Amino acid sequence: MRIPGDGKLSEKEFDIKPSRDLVQPKSTIEIEIIFISLMPRKYDMVMVVDIDGVGQDMFSLPIKAESEVPLVKIEPMK
């Protein structure tokens, strides 16, 4: 599983666990996607599933998100 367009190594914003696994017929596995935004922006991406020996992009799951910078206000102590 992968997210096309996600950065490389230290620039990756999505971490998929497990990124590879063997799933038996009629069974399920739990997938965790960790999102760590590096900059404020809107995300309109997909996670795709490649199947070794069969093909790439066999299934896709849309991912939509928006990251914002929080407003920080500093006031003097009284």
C-alpha atoms as a PDB file:
ATOM      1  CA  MET A   1       0.000   0.000   0.000  1.00  0.00           C
ATOM      2  CA  ARG A   2       1.241   3.437  -0.822  1.00  0.00           C
ATOM      3  CA  ILE A   3       0.173   7.011  -1.390  1.00  0.00           C
ATOM      4  CA  PRO A   4       1.394   8.303  -4.763  1.00  0.00           C
ATOM      5  CA  GLY A   5       2.768  11.826  -4.499  1.00  0.00           C
ATOM      6  CA  ASP A   6       3.757  11.479  -0.842  1.00  0.00           C
ATOM      7  CA  GLY A   7       7.306  12.671  -0.150  1.00  0.00           C
ATOM      8  CA  LYS A   8      10.416  10.557   0.325  1.00  0.00           C
ATOM      9  CA  LEU A   9      11.800   9.324   3.659  1.00  0.00           C
ATOM     10  CA  SER A  10      12.032  12.366   5.981  1.00  0.00           C
ATOM     11  CA  GLU A  11       9.518  14.297   3.857  1.00  0.00           C
ATOM     12  CA  LYS A  12       6.777  11.652   3.984  1.00  0.00           C
ATOM     13  CA  GLU A  13       3.528  12.869   5.507  1.00  0.00           C
ATOM     14  CA  PHE A  14       1.757   9.491   5.615  1.00  0.00           C
ATOM     15  CA  ASP A  15       2.956   6.349   7.363  1.00  0.00           C
ATOM     16  CA  ILE A  16       0.985   3.181   6.522  1.00  0.00           C
ATOM     17  CA  LYS A  17       1.362   0.226   8.889  1.00  0.00           C
ATOM     18  CA  PRO A  18       1.734  -2.410   7.651  1.00  0.00           C
ATOM     19  CA  SER A  19       2.736  -1.157   4.211  1.00  0.00           C
ATOM     20  CA  ARG A  20       3.109  -4.783   3.040  1.00  0.00           C
ATOM     21  CA  ASP A  21       1.337  -7.910   4.215  1.00  0.00           C
ATOM     22  CA  LEU A  22      -0.069 -11.220   3.047  1.00  0.00           C
ATOM     23  CA  VAL A  23      -3.852 -11.366   3.343  1.00  0.00           C
ATOM     24  CA  GLN A  24      -5.463 -14.768   3.073  1.00  0.00           C
ATOM     25  CA  PRO A  25      -8.688 -15.146   1.059  1.00  0.00           C
ATOM     26  CA  LYS A  26     -11.845 -14.115   2.963  1.00  0.00           C
ATOM     27  CA  SER A  27      -9.799 -12.603   5.793  1.00  0.00           C
ATOM     28  CA  THR A  28      -9.110  -9.063   6.961  1.00  0.00           C
ATOM     29  CA  ILE A  29      -6.226  -7.070   8.397  1.00  0.00           C
ATOM     30  CA  GLU A  30      -6.205  -3.795  10.283  1.00  0.00           C
ATOM     31  CA  ILE A  31      -4.329  -0.909   8.648  1.00  0.00           C
ATOM     32  CA  GLU A  32      -3.113   2.183  10.507  1.00  0.00           C
ATOM     33  CA  ILE A  33      -2.467   5.426   8.598  1.00  0.00           C
ATOM     34  CA  ILE A  34      -0.507   8.067  10.506  1.00  0.00           C
ATOM     35  CA  PHE A  35      -0.742  11.602   9.069  1.00  0.00           C
ATOM     36  CA  ILE A  36       1.948  14.135   9.951  1.00  0.00           C
ATOM     37  CA  SER A  37       1.485  17.365   7.996  1.00  0.00           C
ATOM     38  CA  LEU A  38       4.652  19.275   7.118  1.00  0.00           C
ATOM     39  CA  MET A  39       2.904  22.442   5.926  1.00  0.00           C
ATOM     40  CA  PRO A  40      -0.559  23.984   5.855  1.00  0.00           C
ATOM     41  CA  ARG A  41      -2.465  22.819   2.764  1.00  0.00           C
ATOM     42  CA  LYS A  42      -5.400  20.818   1.449  1.00  0.00           C
ATOM     43  CA  TYR A  43      -4.826  17.161   0.633  1.00  0.00           C
ATOM     44  CA  ASP A  44      -6.752  15.351  -2.107  1.00  0.00           C
ATOM     45  CA  MET A  45      -4.899  12.079  -2.526  1.00  0.00           C
ATOM     46  CA  VAL A  46      -5.467   8.335  -2.704  1.00  0.00           C
ATOM     47  CA  MET A  47      -3.982   5.299  -1.027  1.00  0.00           C
ATOM     48  CA  VAL A  48      -3.451   2.557  -3.589  1.00  0.00           C
ATOM     49  CA  VAL A  49      -2.985  -1.172  -3.231  1.00  0.00           C
ATOM     50  CA  ASP A  50      -0.461  -2.956  -5.421  1.00  0.00           C
ATOM     51  CA  ILE A  51      -0.614  -6.754  -5.658  1.00  0.00           C
ATOM     52  CA  ASP A  52       2.723  -8.450  -6.336  1.00  0.00           C
ATOM     53  CA  GLY A  53       2.582 -10.492  -9.524  1.00  0.00           C
ATOM     54  CA  VAL A  54      -0.823  -9.077 -10.489  1.00  0.00           C
ATOM     55  CA  GLY A  55      -0.599  -5.312 -10.953  1.00  0.00           C
ATOM     56  CA  GLN A  56      -0.341  -1.836  -9.486  1.00  0.00           C
ATOM     57  CA  ASP A  57      -3.203   0.401  -8.361  1.00  0.00           C
ATOM     58  CA  MET A  58      -5.587  -2.557  -8.002  1.00  0.00           C
ATOM     59  CA  PHE A  59      -7.660  -0.663  -5.424  1.00  0.00           C
ATOM     60  CA  SER A  60      -7.695   2.968  -4.338  1.00  0.00           C
ATOM     61  CA  LEU A  61      -9.073   4.700  -1.264  1.00  0.00           C
ATOM     62  CA  PRO A  62      -9.551   8.505  -1.339  1.00  0.00           C
ATOM     63  CA  ILE A  63      -7.830  10.590   1.328  1.00  0.00           C
ATOM     64  CA  LYS A  64      -9.012  14.153   1.871  1.00  0.00           C
ATOM     65  CA  ALA A  65      -7.591  16.359   4.616  1.00  0.00           C
ATOM     66  CA  GLU A  66      -6.705  19.927   5.434  1.00  0.00           C
ATOM     67  CA  SER A  67      -3.945  21.069   7.755  1.00  0.00           C
ATOM     68  CA  GLU A  68      -3.892  24.542   9.223  1.00  0.00           C
ATOM     69  CA  VAL A  69      -1.508  26.566  11.323  1.00  0.00           C
ATOM     70  CA  PRO A  70      -3.045  27.346  14.707  1.00  0.00           C
ATOM     71  CA  LEU A  71      -3.436  30.984  15.709  1.00  0.00           C
ATOM     72  CA  VAL A  72      -1.074  31.711  18.601  1.00  0.00           C
ATOM     73  CA  LYS A  73      -1.488  34.853  20.672  1.00  0.00           C
ATOM     74  CA  ILE A  74       1.131  35.803  23.249  1.00  0.00           C
ATOM     75  CA  GLU A  75       0.109  38.174  25.997  1.00  0.00           C
ATOM     76  CA  PRO A  76       2.376  39.715  28.632  1.00  0.00           C
ATOM     77  CA  MET A  77       2.155  38.237  32.131  1.00  0.00           C
ATOM     78  CA  LYS A  78       0.383  40.305  34.727  1.00  0.00           C
END
